[in-house]
Amino acid sequence: MFPSFLNQHQDIKEPCELLKHTLIHDLSMDIHAGFVSWDAWFEKICVLKKETIRGLKINNSAAVLQSAVDGHGIALARNVMAQDDLNAGRLVRLFPEIKCPSPLAYFIVYRAECSTMPKVSIP
């Protein structure tokens, strides 16, 4: 969420209050098993099933984040996609205590003889 949006909407104290605001849906992720949708997120936090389909529907993860940066609503995002915007203060993480881990993962694959190279070593 964009920091100034949060300042203008200080009524967001509980997760269920998000339902009063524009939710940004990432349609490019909705079709893939393992990516969290708004429905799954609200289900995870035990909010009664509500209508979450309203809001902005965007078919590109980068455009979803940009829409949130521009203050058009609230987006769900993968850490790997949102981290730079969070670090730069362009976005703010709401309810960081709520985690929705995905069964999906990234793997780094390299030849065994490259394991000591700085670019593949884990700090």
N, C-alpha and C. Protein backbone atom coordinates (compact mmCIF):
# COMPACT_ATOMS: atom_id res chain seq x y z
N MET A 1 0.83 -1.16 0.00
CA MET A 1 0.00 0.00 0.00
C MET A 1 0.89 1.23 0.00
N PHE A 2 0.49 2.24 -0.72
CA PHE A 2 1.20 3.50 -0.82
C PHE A 2 1.14 4.23 0.53
N PRO A 3 2.26 4.74 1.05
CA PRO A 3 2.25 5.37 2.37
C PRO A 3 1.22 6.49 2.53
N SER A 4 1.05 7.38 1.54
CA SER A 4 0.09 8.47 1.71
C SER A 4 -1.35 7.94 1.70
N PHE A 5 -1.60 6.85 0.98
CA PHE A 5 -2.92 6.21 1.00
C PHE A 5 -3.23 5.76 2.42
N LEU A 6 -2.24 5.17 3.08
CA LEU A 6 -2.41 4.71 4.45
C LEU A 6 -2.68 5.90 5.38
N ASN A 7 -1.99 7.01 5.18
CA ASN A 7 -2.23 8.20 5.99
C ASN A 7 -3.65 8.72 5.81
N GLN A 8 -4.18 8.63 4.60
CA GLN A 8 -5.53 9.10 4.32
C GLN A 8 -6.59 8.12 4.80
N HIS A 9 -6.21 6.88 5.04
CA HIS A 9 -7.16 5.84 5.44
C HIS A 9 -6.70 5.19 6.75
N GLN A 10 -6.61 6.00 7.77
CA GLN A 10 -6.14 5.50 9.05
C GLN A 10 -7.17 4.62 9.75
N ASP A 11 -8.31 4.43 9.10
CA ASP A 11 -9.34 3.55 9.65
C ASP A 11 -8.97 2.08 9.48
N ILE A 12 -7.92 1.80 8.73
CA ILE A 12 -7.53 0.41 8.51
C ILE A 12 -6.70 -0.07 9.70
N LYS A 13 -7.40 -0.68 10.64
CA LYS A 13 -6.74 -1.19 11.84
C LYS A 13 -6.81 -2.72 11.91
N GLU A 14 -7.84 -3.28 11.29
CA GLU A 14 -8.06 -4.73 11.28
C GLU A 14 -8.13 -5.22 9.84
N PRO A 15 -7.71 -6.45 9.57
CA PRO A 15 -7.75 -6.96 8.19
C PRO A 15 -9.12 -6.88 7.52
N CYS A 16 -10.19 -7.10 8.28
CA CYS A 16 -11.52 -7.07 7.66
C CYS A 16 -11.88 -5.69 7.12
N GLU A 17 -11.22 -4.63 7.62
CA GLU A 17 -11.49 -3.28 7.15
C GLU A 17 -10.97 -3.05 5.73
N LEU A 18 -10.12 -3.95 5.24
CA LEU A 18 -9.65 -3.84 3.86
C LEU A 18 -10.81 -3.98 2.87
N LEU A 19 -11.84 -4.69 3.28
CA LEU A 19 -12.98 -4.92 2.39
C LEU A 19 -13.72 -3.64 2.04
N LYS A 20 -13.48 -2.56 2.77
CA LYS A 20 -14.11 -1.27 2.48
C LYS A 20 -13.35 -0.49 1.41
N HIS A 21 -12.19 -1.00 1.02
CA HIS A 21 -11.30 -0.28 0.11
C HIS A 21 -11.13 -1.04 -1.20
N THR A 22 -10.52 -0.38 -2.16
CA THR A 22 -10.28 -0.99 -3.47
C THR A 22 -9.18 -2.04 -3.35
N LEU A 23 -9.52 -3.26 -3.70
CA LEU A 23 -8.54 -4.34 -3.72
C LEU A 23 -8.03 -4.49 -5.15
N ILE A 24 -6.73 -4.61 -5.30
CA ILE A 24 -6.13 -4.78 -6.62
C ILE A 24 -5.83 -6.27 -6.80
N HIS A 25 -6.42 -6.86 -7.83
CA HIS A 25 -6.28 -8.28 -8.10
C HIS A 25 -5.24 -8.50 -9.20
N ASP A 26 -4.35 -9.44 -8.97
CA ASP A 26 -3.34 -9.80 -9.97
C ASP A 26 -3.86 -11.02 -10.74
N LEU A 27 -4.50 -10.78 -11.86
CA LEU A 27 -5.08 -11.86 -12.65
C LEU A 27 -4.02 -12.79 -13.23
N SER A 28 -2.80 -12.29 -13.40
CA SER A 28 -1.75 -13.15 -13.94
C SER A 28 -1.37 -14.25 -12.95
N MET A 29 -1.64 -14.05 -11.67
CA MET A 29 -1.31 -15.04 -10.65
C MET A 29 -2.51 -15.88 -10.25
N ASP A 30 -3.72 -15.37 -10.42
CA ASP A 30 -4.92 -16.09 -10.00
C ASP A 30 -5.07 -17.44 -10.68
N ILE A 31 -4.56 -17.58 -11.88
CA ILE A 31 -4.74 -18.83 -12.60
C ILE A 31 -3.72 -19.90 -12.22
N HIS A 32 -2.70 -19.53 -11.45
CA HIS A 32 -1.65 -20.47 -11.07
C HIS A 32 -1.88 -20.99 -9.66
N ALA A 33 -1.90 -22.29 -9.52
CA ALA A 33 -2.04 -22.89 -8.20
C ALA A 33 -0.84 -22.49 -7.33
N GLY A 34 -1.10 -22.18 -6.09
CA GLY A 34 -0.03 -21.84 -5.18
C GLY A 34 0.14 -20.36 -4.92
N PHE A 35 -0.40 -19.51 -5.77
CA PHE A 35 -0.32 -18.08 -5.53
C PHE A 35 -1.55 -17.64 -4.75
N VAL A 36 -1.34 -16.81 -3.77
CA VAL A 36 -2.42 -16.40 -2.88
C VAL A 36 -3.28 -15.34 -3.54
N SER A 37 -4.59 -15.57 -3.53
CA SER A 37 -5.56 -14.59 -4.02
C SER A 37 -6.15 -13.87 -2.81
N TRP A 38 -6.92 -12.82 -3.07
CA TRP A 38 -7.59 -12.13 -1.97
C TRP A 38 -8.52 -13.09 -1.23
N ASP A 39 -9.25 -13.93 -1.95
CA ASP A 39 -10.14 -14.89 -1.28
C ASP A 39 -9.35 -15.77 -0.32
N ALA A 40 -8.23 -16.30 -0.77
CA ALA A 40 -7.41 -17.18 0.07
C ALA A 40 -6.83 -16.41 1.26
N TRP A 41 -6.44 -15.17 1.06
CA TRP A 41 -5.88 -14.37 2.14
C TRP A 41 -6.92 -14.14 3.23
N PHE A 42 -8.12 -13.73 2.82
CA PHE A 42 -9.18 -13.50 3.81
C PHE A 42 -9.59 -14.80 4.49
N GLU A 43 -9.59 -15.89 3.76
CA GLU A 43 -9.91 -17.19 4.34
C GLU A 43 -8.86 -17.57 5.39
N LYS A 44 -7.60 -17.27 5.11
CA LYS A 44 -6.50 -17.58 6.03
C LYS A 44 -6.67 -16.85 7.36
N ILE A 45 -7.18 -15.63 7.33
CA ILE A 45 -7.32 -14.86 8.56
C ILE A 45 -8.71 -15.03 9.20
N CYS A 46 -9.47 -15.98 8.68
CA CYS A 46 -10.76 -16.35 9.25
C CYS A 46 -11.82 -15.25 9.17
N VAL A 47 -11.74 -14.43 8.15
CA VAL A 47 -12.80 -13.47 7.91
C VAL A 47 -13.89 -14.21 7.17
N LEU A 48 -15.12 -13.99 7.58
CA LEU A 48 -16.22 -14.65 6.88
C LEU A 48 -16.13 -14.37 5.40
N LYS A 49 -16.49 -15.34 4.61
CA LYS A 49 -16.42 -15.21 3.16
C LYS A 49 -17.19 -13.98 2.71
N LYS A 50 -16.51 -13.05 2.14
CA LYS A 50 -17.11 -11.82 1.64
C LYS A 50 -16.81 -11.70 0.17
N GLU A 51 -17.48 -10.78 -0.45
CA GLU A 51 -17.25 -10.53 -1.87
C GLU A 51 -15.94 -9.77 -2.04
N THR A 52 -14.93 -10.42 -2.59
CA THR A 52 -13.64 -9.77 -2.79
C THR A 52 -13.35 -9.54 -4.27
N ILE A 53 -14.25 -9.92 -5.13
CA ILE A 53 -13.98 -9.84 -6.57
C ILE A 53 -14.01 -8.39 -7.09
N ARG A 54 -14.65 -7.50 -6.37
CA ARG A 54 -14.69 -6.11 -6.83
C ARG A 54 -13.29 -5.50 -6.74
N GLY A 55 -13.09 -4.41 -7.39
CA GLY A 55 -11.81 -3.74 -7.35
C GLY A 55 -11.14 -3.74 -8.71
N LEU A 56 -9.88 -3.40 -8.72
CA LEU A 56 -9.11 -3.36 -9.97
C LEU A 56 -8.61 -4.76 -10.31
N LYS A 57 -8.70 -5.09 -11.57
CA LYS A 57 -8.20 -6.38 -12.05
C LYS A 57 -7.14 -6.11 -13.10
N ILE A 58 -5.92 -6.54 -12.81
CA ILE A 58 -4.78 -6.24 -13.67
C ILE A 58 -4.07 -7.55 -13.99
N ASN A 59 -3.67 -7.71 -15.23
CA ASN A 59 -3.07 -8.96 -15.69
C ASN A 59 -1.55 -8.89 -15.79
N ASN A 60 -0.90 -8.21 -14.85
CA ASN A 60 0.55 -8.07 -14.87
C ASN A 60 1.02 -7.72 -13.46
N SER A 61 1.88 -8.54 -12.89
CA SER A 61 2.30 -8.34 -11.50
C SER A 61 3.00 -7.00 -11.28
N ALA A 62 3.82 -6.57 -12.21
CA ALA A 62 4.50 -5.28 -12.07
C ALA A 62 3.50 -4.14 -12.12
N ALA A 63 2.48 -4.25 -12.97
CA ALA A 63 1.46 -3.21 -13.06
C ALA A 63 0.59 -3.18 -11.80
N VAL A 64 0.39 -4.33 -11.17
CA VAL A 64 -0.35 -4.38 -9.90
C VAL A 64 0.39 -3.56 -8.86
N LEU A 65 1.70 -3.79 -8.75
CA LEU A 65 2.50 -3.04 -7.78
C LEU A 65 2.52 -1.54 -8.10
N GLN A 66 2.66 -1.22 -9.38
CA GLN A 66 2.67 0.19 -9.76
C GLN A 66 1.34 0.86 -9.43
N SER A 67 0.26 0.14 -9.60
CA SER A 67 -1.05 0.68 -9.26
C SER A 67 -1.15 0.97 -7.76
N ALA A 68 -0.58 0.08 -6.94
CA ALA A 68 -0.55 0.32 -5.50
C ALA A 68 0.36 1.50 -5.17
N VAL A 69 1.52 1.58 -5.83
CA VAL A 69 2.43 2.72 -5.63
C VAL A 69 1.73 4.02 -5.99
N ASP A 70 0.93 4.00 -7.04
CA ASP A 70 0.20 5.20 -7.48
C ASP A 70 -1.00 5.54 -6.61
N GLY A 71 -1.28 4.69 -5.60
CA GLY A 71 -2.34 4.98 -4.65
C GLY A 71 -3.74 4.58 -5.10
N HIS A 72 -3.84 3.64 -6.05
CA HIS A 72 -5.14 3.25 -6.57
C HIS A 72 -5.84 2.17 -5.74
N GLY A 73 -5.15 1.61 -4.76
CA GLY A 73 -5.78 0.58 -3.94
C GLY A 73 -4.74 -0.24 -3.20
N ILE A 74 -5.19 -1.40 -2.74
CA ILE A 74 -4.38 -2.29 -1.91
C ILE A 74 -4.13 -3.58 -2.68
N ALA A 75 -2.87 -3.99 -2.73
CA ALA A 75 -2.50 -5.17 -3.52
C ALA A 75 -1.88 -6.24 -2.65
N LEU A 76 -2.07 -7.47 -3.07
CA LEU A 76 -1.31 -8.59 -2.52
C LEU A 76 -0.10 -8.76 -3.44
N ALA A 77 1.05 -9.05 -2.87
CA ALA A 77 2.23 -9.19 -3.72
C ALA A 77 3.17 -10.22 -3.12
N ARG A 78 3.95 -10.81 -3.99
CA ARG A 78 5.01 -11.72 -3.55
C ARG A 78 6.18 -10.89 -3.05
N ASN A 79 6.82 -11.37 -1.99
CA ASN A 79 7.96 -10.64 -1.42
C ASN A 79 9.00 -10.31 -2.47
N VAL A 80 9.31 -11.27 -3.31
CA VAL A 80 10.36 -11.09 -4.32
C VAL A 80 10.02 -9.95 -5.28
N MET A 81 8.74 -9.73 -5.51
CA MET A 81 8.33 -8.66 -6.43
C MET A 81 8.25 -7.29 -5.73
N ALA A 82 7.87 -7.27 -4.46
CA ALA A 82 7.59 -6.00 -3.77
C ALA A 82 8.75 -5.47 -2.94
N GLN A 83 9.78 -6.27 -2.72
CA GLN A 83 10.83 -5.90 -1.77
C GLN A 83 11.49 -4.55 -2.07
N ASP A 84 11.81 -4.28 -3.33
CA ASP A 84 12.45 -3.00 -3.67
C ASP A 84 11.54 -1.82 -3.34
N ASP A 85 10.24 -1.94 -3.65
CA ASP A 85 9.29 -0.86 -3.35
C ASP A 85 9.12 -0.69 -1.84
N LEU A 86 9.14 -1.79 -1.10
CA LEU A 86 9.05 -1.70 0.36
C LEU A 86 10.31 -1.04 0.93
N ASN A 87 11.47 -1.47 0.47
CA ASN A 87 12.74 -0.90 0.96
C ASN A 87 12.84 0.59 0.66
N ALA A 88 12.33 1.01 -0.49
CA ALA A 88 12.40 2.42 -0.90
C ALA A 88 11.30 3.27 -0.28
N GLY A 89 10.36 2.64 0.43
CA GLY A 89 9.28 3.40 1.05
C GLY A 89 8.15 3.75 0.10
N ARG A 90 8.16 3.17 -1.10
CA ARG A 90 7.07 3.44 -2.04
C ARG A 90 5.82 2.66 -1.66
N LEU A 91 6.00 1.54 -0.96
CA LEU A 91 4.89 0.73 -0.48
C LEU A 91 5.10 0.45 1.00
N VAL A 92 3.99 0.16 1.68
CA VAL A 92 4.00 -0.19 3.09
C VAL A 92 3.30 -1.53 3.25
N ARG A 93 3.87 -2.41 4.04
CA ARG A 93 3.27 -3.72 4.28
C ARG A 93 2.24 -3.58 5.39
N LEU A 94 1.02 -3.94 5.08
CA LEU A 94 -0.04 -3.98 6.08
C LEU A 94 -0.06 -5.36 6.73
N PHE A 95 -0.30 -5.41 8.00
CA PHE A 95 -0.46 -6.67 8.73
C PHE A 95 0.69 -7.66 8.45
N PRO A 96 1.92 -7.26 8.72
CA PRO A 96 3.06 -8.14 8.43
C PRO A 96 3.03 -9.45 9.23
N GLU A 97 2.24 -9.47 10.28
CA GLU A 97 2.15 -10.69 11.09
C GLU A 97 1.37 -11.80 10.38
N ILE A 98 0.60 -11.44 9.35
CA ILE A 98 -0.17 -12.43 8.61
C ILE A 98 0.69 -12.95 7.47
N LYS A 99 1.00 -14.21 7.51
CA LYS A 99 1.83 -14.84 6.48
C LYS A 99 0.99 -15.84 5.69
N CYS A 100 1.15 -15.84 4.40
CA CYS A 100 0.49 -16.82 3.53
C CYS A 100 1.56 -17.45 2.65
N PRO A 101 2.32 -18.36 3.22
CA PRO A 101 3.39 -18.97 2.43
C PRO A 101 2.85 -19.75 1.24
N SER A 102 3.59 -19.70 0.19
CA SER A 102 3.22 -20.40 -1.03
C SER A 102 4.01 -21.70 -1.11
N PRO A 103 3.40 -22.74 -1.66
CA PRO A 103 4.15 -23.98 -1.85
C PRO A 103 5.15 -23.87 -3.00
N LEU A 104 5.10 -22.76 -3.71
CA LEU A 104 6.01 -22.55 -4.83
C LEU A 104 7.34 -22.03 -4.30
N ALA A 105 8.41 -22.28 -5.02
CA ALA A 105 9.73 -21.84 -4.58
C ALA A 105 10.62 -21.57 -5.78
N TYR A 106 11.68 -20.81 -5.53
CA TYR A 106 12.71 -20.59 -6.53
C TYR A 106 13.91 -21.44 -6.16
N PHE A 107 14.59 -21.96 -7.15
CA PHE A 107 15.78 -22.76 -6.91
C PHE A 107 16.92 -22.19 -7.73
N ILE A 108 18.09 -22.19 -7.14
CA ILE A 108 19.30 -21.78 -7.84
C ILE A 108 20.04 -23.06 -8.22
N VAL A 109 20.32 -23.17 -9.49
CA VAL A 109 20.99 -24.37 -9.99
C VAL A 109 22.32 -23.94 -10.60
N TYR A 110 23.38 -24.65 -10.23
CA TYR A 110 24.70 -24.33 -10.76
C TYR A 110 25.56 -25.60 -10.76
N ARG A 111 26.64 -25.55 -11.52
CA ARG A 111 27.56 -26.68 -11.56
C ARG A 111 28.31 -26.77 -10.24
N ALA A 112 28.61 -27.99 -9.80
CA ALA A 112 29.27 -28.22 -8.52
C ALA A 112 30.60 -27.46 -8.41
N GLU A 113 31.34 -27.40 -9.50
CA GLU A 113 32.65 -26.72 -9.45
C GLU A 113 32.53 -25.20 -9.29
N CYS A 114 31.32 -24.66 -9.40
CA CYS A 114 31.09 -23.21 -9.24
C CYS A 114 30.63 -22.86 -7.82
N SER A 115 30.54 -23.82 -6.94
CA SER A 115 29.95 -23.59 -5.62
C SER A 115 30.70 -22.58 -4.76
N THR A 116 31.97 -22.34 -5.03
CA THR A 116 32.73 -21.38 -4.22
C THR A 116 32.75 -19.99 -4.84
N MET A 117 32.16 -19.82 -5.98
CA MET A 117 32.13 -18.49 -6.62
C MET A 117 31.27 -17.54 -5.79
N PRO A 118 31.72 -16.30 -5.59
CA PRO A 118 30.96 -15.34 -4.78
C PRO A 118 29.51 -15.13 -5.26
N LYS A 119 29.30 -15.17 -6.55
CA LYS A 119 27.93 -14.89 -7.02
C LYS A 119 26.95 -16.03 -6.78
N VAL A 120 27.41 -17.21 -6.38
CA VAL A 120 26.49 -18.29 -6.06
C VAL A 120 26.56 -18.70 -4.59
N SER A 121 27.43 -18.09 -3.81
CA SER A 121 27.51 -18.44 -2.40
C SER A 121 26.45 -17.69 -1.61
N ILE A 122 25.99 -18.32 -0.54
CA ILE A 122 24.97 -17.72 0.32
C ILE A 122 25.68 -16.95 1.42
N PRO A 123 25.33 -15.68 1.57
CA PRO A 123 26.02 -14.85 2.60
C PRO A 123 25.67 -15.31 4.00
